[in-house]
Amino acid sequence: MTGDKNKKRGSNEKVSIDILGAQRLASKLQKVIRLGTSTKQEMKEVDIFFYTHLSTPTKNILNELNILMNKSWSSKSRKLLNEIYFNIFNVLNELSSLQQFGYNDIVDSNGNVNSVKLNMLIDIDTEISSFVSLLKHNVTKLESNAQFIKLIHNQIEQLITLLIELLQKRQVFIES
């Protein structure tokens, strides 16, 4: 019982840290939008925060899939889970570019920020974040709905396709 309380407390502390980080990020971005200026270092911190915000749940999804694959499934179900795992692993690789390219790239040498690009980038990243959350939700459904694995597999594959398209759209946008 005590272990459960500690586990819940640790989870609540992590949520508090995530919320605090999100609040700092929002505050920083609001300031940049208001002033139209920033440093490359500040924007690099935004890139790193956003990458961490997305890569951590994606790694958790992979861990969850790994656990599911070790359960007793039919060979057909195991094959579908392997496909999902492989495709989400590819998403994780795509996410790595978020840390290198993004908000840092919209600050010019004088510290001016292109507000149109900033707002577009925020919109794209919000969509990416939503898709990662949906992906996590659908993978979580797999455990309790083994009989619907084919249907859930299709939903997950559609989400992965859309997520990769968004990540590619983001990359093209940043390079433009």
N, C-alpha and C. Protein backbone atom coordinates (compact mmCIF):
# COMPACT_ATOMS: atom_id res chain seq x y z
N MET A 1 0.82 -1.19 0.00
CA MET A 1 0.00 0.00 0.00
C MET A 1 0.87 1.25 0.00
N THR A 2 1.87 1.26 0.84
CA THR A 2 2.76 2.42 0.90
C THR A 2 3.48 2.61 -0.43
N GLY A 3 3.89 1.50 -1.06
CA GLY A 3 4.54 1.58 -2.36
C GLY A 3 3.64 2.21 -3.40
N ASP A 4 2.33 1.88 -3.35
CA ASP A 4 1.38 2.48 -4.28
C ASP A 4 1.29 3.98 -4.09
N LYS A 5 1.29 4.42 -2.80
CA LYS A 5 1.22 5.85 -2.53
C LYS A 5 2.46 6.56 -3.08
N ASN A 6 3.63 5.94 -2.88
CA ASN A 6 4.87 6.53 -3.38
C ASN A 6 4.87 6.57 -4.90
N LYS A 7 4.36 5.51 -5.52
CA LYS A 7 4.31 5.45 -6.97
C LYS A 7 3.41 6.57 -7.49
N LYS A 8 2.24 6.75 -6.84
CA LYS A 8 1.32 7.80 -7.25
C LYS A 8 1.95 9.16 -7.01
N ARG A 9 2.61 9.34 -5.88
CA ARG A 9 3.24 10.61 -5.58
C ARG A 9 4.30 10.92 -6.63
N GLY A 10 5.12 9.95 -6.99
CA GLY A 10 6.14 10.15 -8.01
C GLY A 10 5.51 10.54 -9.34
N SER A 11 4.40 9.92 -9.67
CA SER A 11 3.70 10.24 -10.90
C SER A 11 3.16 11.66 -10.85
N ASN A 12 2.61 12.05 -9.71
CA ASN A 12 2.09 13.41 -9.55
C ASN A 12 3.22 14.44 -9.63
N GLU A 13 4.37 14.11 -9.06
CA GLU A 13 5.51 15.02 -9.12
C GLU A 13 5.96 15.20 -10.56
N LYS A 14 5.97 14.11 -11.35
CA LYS A 14 6.36 14.18 -12.75
C LYS A 14 5.38 15.05 -13.52
N VAL A 15 4.10 14.88 -13.25
CA VAL A 15 3.10 15.72 -13.91
C VAL A 15 3.31 17.18 -13.54
N SER A 16 3.60 17.45 -12.27
CA SER A 16 3.86 18.83 -11.84
C SER A 16 5.07 19.41 -12.55
N ILE A 17 6.11 18.62 -12.72
CA ILE A 17 7.30 19.08 -13.43
C ILE A 17 6.96 19.34 -14.89
N ASP A 18 6.18 18.44 -15.51
CA ASP A 18 5.76 18.63 -16.89
C ASP A 18 4.94 19.90 -17.05
N ILE A 19 4.01 20.13 -16.11
CA ILE A 19 3.18 21.33 -16.17
C ILE A 19 4.03 22.57 -15.97
N LEU A 20 4.94 22.52 -15.03
CA LEU A 20 5.84 23.65 -14.79
C LEU A 20 6.67 23.94 -16.04
N GLY A 21 7.19 22.90 -16.67
CA GLY A 21 7.96 23.08 -17.90
C GLY A 21 7.11 23.66 -19.02
N ALA A 22 5.88 23.19 -19.14
CA ALA A 22 4.98 23.70 -20.16
C ALA A 22 4.63 25.16 -19.89
N GLN A 23 4.44 25.51 -18.61
CA GLN A 23 4.14 26.90 -18.27
C GLN A 23 5.32 27.81 -18.61
N ARG A 24 6.52 27.34 -18.31
CA ARG A 24 7.72 28.13 -18.65
C ARG A 24 7.83 28.31 -20.17
N LEU A 25 7.57 27.22 -20.90
CA LEU A 25 7.62 27.27 -22.35
C LEU A 25 6.60 28.26 -22.89
N ALA A 26 5.36 28.18 -22.40
CA ALA A 26 4.31 29.09 -22.85
C ALA A 26 4.67 30.53 -22.54
N SER A 27 5.20 30.76 -21.35
CA SER A 27 5.60 32.11 -20.96
C SER A 27 6.70 32.63 -21.88
N LYS A 28 7.67 31.79 -22.15
CA LYS A 28 8.79 32.17 -23.01
C LYS A 28 8.29 32.49 -24.42
N LEU A 29 7.39 31.64 -24.96
CA LEU A 29 6.89 31.87 -26.31
C LEU A 29 6.00 33.12 -26.37
N GLN A 30 5.21 33.35 -25.32
CA GLN A 30 4.38 34.57 -25.29
C GLN A 30 5.27 35.82 -25.31
N LYS A 31 6.35 35.77 -24.57
CA LYS A 31 7.29 36.90 -24.53
C LYS A 31 7.89 37.12 -25.92
N VAL A 32 8.27 36.03 -26.57
CA VAL A 32 8.87 36.14 -27.91
C VAL A 32 7.85 36.70 -28.89
N ILE A 33 6.61 36.23 -28.80
CA ILE A 33 5.56 36.74 -29.70
C ILE A 33 5.33 38.23 -29.44
N ARG A 34 5.26 38.62 -28.18
CA ARG A 34 5.01 40.01 -27.81
C ARG A 34 6.15 40.93 -28.25
N LEU A 35 7.40 40.50 -28.00
CA LEU A 35 8.55 41.36 -28.28
C LEU A 35 9.09 41.20 -29.71
N GLY A 36 8.88 40.04 -30.29
CA GLY A 36 9.40 39.79 -31.63
C GLY A 36 10.89 39.54 -31.65
N THR A 37 11.47 39.32 -30.48
CA THR A 37 12.91 39.05 -30.39
C THR A 37 13.18 37.91 -29.42
N SER A 38 14.32 37.29 -29.62
CA SER A 38 14.76 36.21 -28.74
C SER A 38 16.22 35.94 -29.03
N THR A 39 16.80 35.07 -28.23
CA THR A 39 18.16 34.62 -28.52
C THR A 39 18.09 33.22 -29.11
N LYS A 40 19.11 32.88 -29.84
CA LYS A 40 19.16 31.51 -30.38
C LYS A 40 19.17 30.49 -29.25
N GLN A 41 19.83 30.83 -28.15
CA GLN A 41 19.90 29.92 -27.00
C GLN A 41 18.51 29.68 -26.41
N GLU A 42 17.72 30.74 -26.25
CA GLU A 42 16.36 30.57 -25.72
C GLU A 42 15.52 29.67 -26.63
N MET A 43 15.65 29.89 -27.92
CA MET A 43 14.87 29.08 -28.86
C MET A 43 15.39 27.65 -28.93
N LYS A 44 16.67 27.47 -28.72
CA LYS A 44 17.24 26.12 -28.66
C LYS A 44 16.64 25.37 -27.46
N GLU A 45 16.44 26.08 -26.34
CA GLU A 45 15.81 25.47 -25.17
C GLU A 45 14.39 25.04 -25.49
N VAL A 46 13.67 25.82 -26.30
CA VAL A 46 12.32 25.45 -26.73
C VAL A 46 12.39 24.19 -27.57
N ASP A 47 13.34 24.12 -28.50
CA ASP A 47 13.51 22.93 -29.33
C ASP A 47 13.75 21.68 -28.47
N ILE A 48 14.62 21.81 -27.49
CA ILE A 48 14.95 20.68 -26.62
C ILE A 48 13.74 20.28 -25.78
N PHE A 49 13.03 21.27 -25.23
CA PHE A 49 11.84 20.96 -24.44
C PHE A 49 10.81 20.21 -25.28
N PHE A 50 10.56 20.73 -26.47
CA PHE A 50 9.55 20.11 -27.32
C PHE A 50 9.97 18.70 -27.73
N TYR A 51 11.23 18.52 -28.07
CA TYR A 51 11.72 17.18 -28.41
C TYR A 51 11.52 16.22 -27.24
N THR A 52 11.88 16.65 -26.04
CA THR A 52 11.72 15.81 -24.85
C THR A 52 10.25 15.52 -24.60
N HIS A 53 9.41 16.53 -24.77
CA HIS A 53 7.97 16.40 -24.56
C HIS A 53 7.37 15.34 -25.49
N LEU A 54 7.93 15.16 -26.67
CA LEU A 54 7.41 14.18 -27.62
C LEU A 54 8.16 12.86 -27.60
N SER A 55 9.46 12.90 -27.41
CA SER A 55 10.23 11.66 -27.47
C SER A 55 9.99 10.77 -26.26
N THR A 56 9.78 11.36 -25.09
CA THR A 56 9.56 10.56 -23.89
C THR A 56 8.30 9.70 -24.01
N PRO A 57 7.13 10.27 -24.37
CA PRO A 57 5.97 9.40 -24.52
C PRO A 57 6.12 8.40 -25.67
N THR A 58 6.85 8.79 -26.70
CA THR A 58 7.06 7.86 -27.82
C THR A 58 7.90 6.67 -27.37
N LYS A 59 8.92 6.92 -26.56
CA LYS A 59 9.72 5.82 -26.00
C LYS A 59 8.87 4.95 -25.08
N ASN A 60 7.97 5.59 -24.32
CA ASN A 60 7.06 4.83 -23.45
C ASN A 60 6.13 3.94 -24.27
N ILE A 61 5.69 4.44 -25.41
CA ILE A 61 4.84 3.64 -26.31
C ILE A 61 5.62 2.42 -26.78
N LEU A 62 6.87 2.61 -27.15
CA LEU A 62 7.69 1.48 -27.60
C LEU A 62 7.86 0.46 -26.48
N ASN A 63 8.07 0.93 -25.25
CA ASN A 63 8.19 0.02 -24.11
C ASN A 63 6.90 -0.76 -23.90
N GLU A 64 5.78 -0.06 -24.00
CA GLU A 64 4.48 -0.71 -23.83
C GLU A 64 4.25 -1.76 -24.91
N LEU A 65 4.62 -1.44 -26.13
CA LEU A 65 4.49 -2.42 -27.23
C LEU A 65 5.39 -3.62 -26.99
N ASN A 66 6.58 -3.37 -26.49
CA ASN A 66 7.51 -4.46 -26.21
C ASN A 66 6.91 -5.43 -25.18
N ILE A 67 6.29 -4.87 -24.15
CA ILE A 67 5.63 -5.70 -23.13
C ILE A 67 4.48 -6.48 -23.75
N LEU A 68 3.69 -5.82 -24.59
CA LEU A 68 2.57 -6.50 -25.24
C LEU A 68 3.04 -7.64 -26.14
N MET A 69 4.14 -7.41 -26.84
CA MET A 69 4.66 -8.46 -27.75
C MET A 69 5.13 -9.68 -26.99
N ASN A 70 5.52 -9.51 -25.74
CA ASN A 70 5.98 -10.64 -24.94
C ASN A 70 4.85 -11.45 -24.33
N LYS A 71 3.62 -10.96 -24.47
CA LYS A 71 2.47 -11.71 -23.98
C LYS A 71 2.10 -12.76 -25.02
N SER A 72 1.22 -13.65 -24.64
CA SER A 72 0.85 -14.72 -25.57
C SER A 72 -0.18 -14.21 -26.57
N TRP A 73 0.27 -13.96 -27.77
CA TRP A 73 -0.57 -13.50 -28.87
C TRP A 73 -0.48 -14.53 -30.00
N SER A 74 -1.41 -14.49 -30.88
CA SER A 74 -1.30 -15.32 -32.08
C SER A 74 -0.16 -14.77 -32.92
N SER A 75 0.35 -15.58 -33.83
CA SER A 75 1.47 -15.12 -34.67
C SER A 75 1.03 -13.94 -35.54
N LYS A 76 -0.22 -13.93 -35.96
CA LYS A 76 -0.74 -12.83 -36.77
C LYS A 76 -0.77 -11.53 -35.95
N SER A 77 -1.23 -11.63 -34.71
CA SER A 77 -1.27 -10.45 -33.84
C SER A 77 0.13 -9.97 -33.53
N ARG A 78 1.03 -10.90 -33.27
CA ARG A 78 2.41 -10.53 -32.98
C ARG A 78 3.04 -9.80 -34.18
N LYS A 79 2.71 -10.26 -35.38
CA LYS A 79 3.22 -9.63 -36.59
C LYS A 79 2.71 -8.19 -36.69
N LEU A 80 1.43 -7.97 -36.40
CA LEU A 80 0.87 -6.62 -36.43
C LEU A 80 1.54 -5.73 -35.39
N LEU A 81 1.76 -6.28 -34.19
CA LEU A 81 2.44 -5.50 -33.14
C LEU A 81 3.86 -5.15 -33.56
N ASN A 82 4.55 -6.07 -34.21
CA ASN A 82 5.90 -5.80 -34.71
C ASN A 82 5.90 -4.66 -35.73
N GLU A 83 4.89 -4.67 -36.61
CA GLU A 83 4.77 -3.60 -37.61
C GLU A 83 4.60 -2.25 -36.91
N ILE A 84 3.70 -2.22 -35.93
CA ILE A 84 3.46 -0.98 -35.19
C ILE A 84 4.74 -0.53 -34.51
N TYR A 85 5.43 -1.45 -33.87
CA TYR A 85 6.67 -1.13 -33.16
C TYR A 85 7.68 -0.51 -34.13
N PHE A 86 7.88 -1.17 -35.25
CA PHE A 86 8.85 -0.69 -36.24
C PHE A 86 8.49 0.71 -36.73
N ASN A 87 7.21 0.93 -37.02
CA ASN A 87 6.78 2.23 -37.53
C ASN A 87 6.89 3.34 -36.47
N ILE A 88 6.60 3.00 -35.22
CA ILE A 88 6.74 4.01 -34.16
C ILE A 88 8.22 4.28 -33.90
N PHE A 89 9.05 3.27 -34.05
CA PHE A 89 10.50 3.47 -33.93
C PHE A 89 10.96 4.47 -35.00
N ASN A 90 10.41 4.35 -36.20
CA ASN A 90 10.74 5.31 -37.27
C ASN A 90 10.28 6.72 -36.92
N VAL A 91 9.11 6.81 -36.27
CA VAL A 91 8.62 8.12 -35.81
C VAL A 91 9.62 8.71 -34.82
N LEU A 92 10.10 7.88 -33.89
CA LEU A 92 11.07 8.36 -32.90
C LEU A 92 12.32 8.90 -33.59
N ASN A 93 12.77 8.22 -34.64
CA ASN A 93 13.92 8.71 -35.40
C ASN A 93 13.61 10.05 -36.06
N GLU A 94 12.40 10.19 -36.61
CA GLU A 94 11.99 11.46 -37.21
C GLU A 94 11.96 12.58 -36.17
N LEU A 95 11.53 12.22 -34.96
CA LEU A 95 11.44 13.22 -33.89
C LEU A 95 12.81 13.79 -33.53
N SER A 96 13.86 13.02 -33.76
CA SER A 96 15.19 13.49 -33.38
C SER A 96 15.56 14.79 -34.09
N SER A 97 14.98 15.01 -35.26
CA SER A 97 15.28 16.25 -35.99
C SER A 97 14.70 17.47 -35.29
N LEU A 98 13.70 17.27 -34.43
CA LEU A 98 13.10 18.40 -33.71
C LEU A 98 14.12 19.09 -32.82
N GLN A 99 15.05 18.32 -32.31
CA GLN A 99 16.04 18.87 -31.40
C GLN A 99 17.07 19.71 -32.15
N GLN A 100 17.25 19.41 -33.42
CA GLN A 100 18.28 20.09 -34.20
C GLN A 100 17.76 21.28 -35.00
N PHE A 101 16.51 21.18 -35.45
CA PHE A 101 15.96 22.21 -36.32
C PHE A 101 14.61 22.65 -35.78
N GLY A 102 14.37 23.94 -35.82
CA GLY A 102 13.06 24.40 -35.36
C GLY A 102 13.08 25.85 -34.94
N TYR A 103 12.73 26.07 -33.69
CA TYR A 103 12.59 27.43 -33.17
C TYR A 103 13.89 28.20 -33.26
N ASN A 104 14.98 27.53 -33.03
CA ASN A 104 16.30 28.15 -33.13
C ASN A 104 16.53 28.73 -34.53
N ASP A 105 15.95 28.09 -35.54
CA ASP A 105 16.18 28.49 -36.93
C ASP A 105 15.34 29.69 -37.37
N ILE A 106 14.40 30.13 -36.53
CA ILE A 106 13.57 31.28 -36.93
C ILE A 106 14.05 32.59 -36.29
N VAL A 107 15.21 32.52 -35.66
CA VAL A 107 15.82 33.72 -35.07
C VAL A 107 16.96 34.14 -35.99
N ASP A 108 16.91 35.39 -36.44
CA ASP A 108 18.00 35.85 -37.30
C ASP A 108 19.20 36.30 -36.46
N SER A 109 20.25 36.71 -37.13
CA SER A 109 21.49 37.07 -36.42
C SER A 109 21.34 38.28 -35.50
N ASN A 110 20.30 39.10 -35.72
CA ASN A 110 20.04 40.26 -34.86
C ASN A 110 19.09 39.93 -33.71
N GLY A 111 18.64 38.69 -33.62
CA GLY A 111 17.72 38.29 -32.56
C GLY A 111 16.25 38.52 -32.89
N ASN A 112 15.97 38.92 -34.12
CA ASN A 112 14.58 39.10 -34.54
C ASN A 112 13.95 37.76 -34.88
N VAL A 113 12.68 37.62 -34.51
CA VAL A 113 11.95 36.38 -34.76
C VAL A 113 10.86 36.66 -35.78
N ASN A 114 10.78 35.81 -36.77
CA ASN A 114 9.71 35.90 -37.76
C ASN A 114 8.43 35.40 -37.09
N SER A 115 7.53 36.31 -36.73
CA SER A 115 6.34 35.94 -35.96
C SER A 115 5.39 35.04 -36.75
N VAL A 116 5.32 35.21 -38.06
CA VAL A 116 4.46 34.34 -38.88
C VAL A 116 4.98 32.92 -38.82
N LYS A 117 6.29 32.76 -38.99
CA LYS A 117 6.88 31.42 -38.92
C LYS A 117 6.74 30.83 -37.51
N LEU A 118 6.92 31.67 -36.50
CA LEU A 118 6.79 31.20 -35.13
C LEU A 118 5.38 30.66 -34.88
N ASN A 119 4.38 31.41 -35.26
CA ASN A 119 2.99 30.96 -35.06
C ASN A 119 2.68 29.69 -35.85
N MET A 120 3.19 29.61 -37.09
CA MET A 120 2.98 28.40 -37.89
C MET A 120 3.66 27.20 -37.24
N LEU A 121 4.86 27.40 -36.76
CA LEU A 121 5.61 26.32 -36.12
C LEU A 121 4.90 25.85 -34.85
N ILE A 122 4.38 26.78 -34.08
CA ILE A 122 3.62 26.42 -32.88
C ILE A 122 2.41 25.59 -33.27
N ASP A 123 1.70 25.99 -34.33
CA ASP A 123 0.52 25.25 -34.79
C ASP A 123 0.88 23.83 -35.22
N ILE A 124 1.95 23.70 -36.00
CA ILE A 124 2.38 22.38 -36.46
C ILE A 124 2.78 21.51 -35.26
N ASP A 125 3.53 22.08 -34.34
CA ASP A 125 3.99 21.31 -33.18
C ASP A 125 2.83 20.92 -32.26
N THR A 126 1.81 21.76 -32.19
CA THR A 126 0.62 21.40 -31.42
C THR A 126 -0.07 20.19 -32.04
N GLU A 127 -0.16 20.18 -33.36
CA GLU A 127 -0.75 19.02 -34.05
C GLU A 127 0.08 17.77 -33.82
N ILE A 128 1.39 17.89 -33.92
CA ILE A 128 2.27 16.74 -33.69
C ILE A 128 2.06 16.19 -32.28
N SER A 129 1.99 17.08 -31.31
CA SER A 129 1.78 16.67 -29.93
C SER A 129 0.45 15.93 -29.76
N SER A 130 -0.59 16.43 -30.42
CA SER A 130 -1.90 15.77 -30.36
C SER A 130 -1.85 14.37 -30.95
N PHE A 131 -1.13 14.23 -32.06
CA PHE A 131 -1.04 12.92 -32.69
C PHE A 131 -0.26 11.92 -31.82
N VAL A 132 0.78 12.40 -31.15
CA VAL A 132 1.51 11.50 -30.24
C VAL A 132 0.60 11.06 -29.10
N SER A 133 -0.22 11.95 -28.58
CA SER A 133 -1.18 11.59 -27.52
C SER A 133 -2.20 10.57 -28.02
N LEU A 134 -2.71 10.78 -29.23
CA LEU A 134 -3.65 9.82 -29.81
C LEU A 134 -2.99 8.46 -30.02
N LEU A 135 -1.76 8.49 -30.44
CA LEU A 135 -1.01 7.25 -30.65
C LEU A 135 -0.89 6.49 -29.34
N LYS A 136 -0.52 7.19 -28.28
CA LYS A 136 -0.41 6.56 -26.96
C LYS A 136 -1.75 5.98 -26.53
N HIS A 137 -2.81 6.72 -26.73
CA HIS A 137 -4.15 6.25 -26.37
C HIS A 137 -4.50 4.96 -27.11
N ASN A 138 -4.21 4.92 -28.40
CA ASN A 138 -4.55 3.73 -29.20
C ASN A 138 -3.69 2.53 -28.84
N VAL A 139 -2.43 2.76 -28.54
CA VAL A 139 -1.58 1.64 -28.13
C VAL A 139 -2.05 1.10 -26.78
N THR A 140 -2.47 1.98 -25.90
CA THR A 140 -3.00 1.55 -24.60
C THR A 140 -4.26 0.70 -24.79
N LYS A 141 -5.07 1.03 -25.79
CA LYS A 141 -6.28 0.25 -26.07
C LYS A 141 -5.96 -1.18 -26.51
N LEU A 142 -4.78 -1.40 -27.06
CA LEU A 142 -4.41 -2.74 -27.54
C LEU A 142 -4.44 -3.78 -26.43
N GLU A 143 -3.97 -3.40 -25.25
CA GLU A 143 -3.87 -4.35 -24.15
C GLU A 143 -5.24 -4.89 -23.74
N SER A 144 -6.24 -4.03 -23.70
CA SER A 144 -7.55 -4.47 -23.25
C SER A 144 -8.45 -4.94 -24.39
N ASN A 145 -8.02 -4.78 -25.62
CA ASN A 145 -8.86 -5.14 -26.76
C ASN A 145 -8.12 -6.03 -27.75
N ALA A 146 -7.57 -7.11 -27.26
CA ALA A 146 -6.79 -8.00 -28.12
C ALA A 146 -7.60 -8.50 -29.31
N GLN A 147 -8.90 -8.70 -29.12
CA GLN A 147 -9.72 -9.21 -30.21
C GLN A 147 -9.89 -8.18 -31.33
N PHE A 148 -9.61 -6.92 -31.06
CA PHE A 148 -9.76 -5.87 -32.07
C PHE A 148 -8.41 -5.36 -32.57
N ILE A 149 -7.39 -6.18 -32.43
CA ILE A 149 -6.04 -5.72 -32.76
C ILE A 149 -5.93 -5.25 -34.21
N LYS A 150 -6.60 -5.93 -35.13
CA LYS A 150 -6.52 -5.55 -36.54
C LYS A 150 -7.09 -4.14 -36.75
N LEU A 151 -8.25 -3.86 -36.15
CA LEU A 151 -8.86 -2.54 -36.26
C LEU A 151 -7.99 -1.47 -35.62
N ILE A 152 -7.52 -1.73 -34.42
CA ILE A 152 -6.66 -0.77 -33.72
C ILE A 152 -5.35 -0.59 -34.48
N HIS A 153 -4.83 -1.68 -35.03
CA HIS A 153 -3.62 -1.62 -35.84
C HIS A 153 -3.81 -0.64 -36.99
N ASN A 154 -4.94 -0.72 -37.66
CA ASN A 154 -5.20 0.18 -38.79
C ASN A 154 -5.28 1.63 -38.32
N GLN A 155 -5.92 1.87 -37.19
CA GLN A 155 -6.00 3.22 -36.65
C GLN A 155 -4.61 3.76 -36.31
N ILE A 156 -3.81 2.92 -35.69
CA ILE A 156 -2.46 3.33 -35.31
C ILE A 156 -1.62 3.61 -36.55
N GLU A 157 -1.73 2.77 -37.55
CA GLU A 157 -0.96 2.98 -38.78
C GLU A 157 -1.36 4.28 -39.46
N GLN A 158 -2.65 4.62 -39.44
CA GLN A 158 -3.10 5.89 -40.01
C GLN A 158 -2.52 7.07 -39.22
N LEU A 159 -2.53 6.95 -37.91
CA LEU A 159 -1.95 8.01 -37.07
C LEU A 159 -0.46 8.17 -37.34
N ILE A 160 0.23 7.05 -37.47
CA ILE A 160 1.67 7.11 -37.74
C ILE A 160 1.94 7.79 -39.08
N THR A 161 1.16 7.43 -40.09
CA THR A 161 1.32 8.05 -41.40
C THR A 161 1.11 9.55 -41.33
N LEU A 162 0.05 9.98 -40.65
CA LEU A 162 -0.23 11.41 -40.51
C LEU A 162 0.85 12.11 -39.69
N LEU A 163 1.34 11.45 -38.67
CA LEU A 163 2.39 12.03 -37.83
C LEU A 163 3.67 12.23 -38.62
N ILE A 164 4.05 11.24 -39.40
CA ILE A 164 5.26 11.37 -40.23
C ILE A 164 5.08 12.47 -41.27
N GLU A 165 3.88 12.57 -41.85
CA GLU A 165 3.62 13.66 -42.80
C GLU A 165 3.76 15.02 -42.12
N LEU A 166 3.26 15.15 -40.90
CA LEU A 166 3.40 16.41 -40.16
C LEU A 166 4.86 16.72 -39.86
N LEU A 167 5.61 15.72 -39.47
CA LEU A 167 7.03 15.93 -39.18
C LEU A 167 7.77 16.37 -40.44
N GLN A 168 7.41 15.77 -41.58
CA GLN A 168 8.03 16.17 -42.84
C GLN A 168 7.60 17.57 -43.25
N LYS A 169 6.32 17.89 -43.02
CA LYS A 169 5.80 19.25 -43.30
C LYS A 169 6.56 20.26 -42.46
N ARG A 170 6.81 19.92 -41.21
CA ARG A 170 7.55 20.80 -40.30
C ARG A 170 8.96 21.04 -40.84
N GLN A 171 9.61 19.97 -41.27
CA GLN A 171 10.98 20.08 -41.78
C GLN A 171 11.03 20.96 -43.02
N VAL A 172 10.10 20.75 -43.95
CA VAL A 172 10.04 21.57 -45.16
C VAL A 172 9.78 23.03 -44.80
N PHE A 173 8.89 23.26 -43.86
CA PHE A 173 8.55 24.61 -43.42
C PHE A 173 9.77 25.31 -42.84
N ILE A 174 10.52 24.62 -42.02
CA ILE A 174 11.69 25.23 -41.40
C ILE A 174 12.76 25.54 -42.43
N GLU A 175 12.89 24.67 -43.42
CA GLU A 175 13.91 24.87 -44.45
C GLU A 175 13.55 25.97 -45.44
N SER A 176 12.28 26.37 -45.46
CA SER A 176 11.85 27.39 -46.44
C SER A 176 12.24 28.79 -46.01
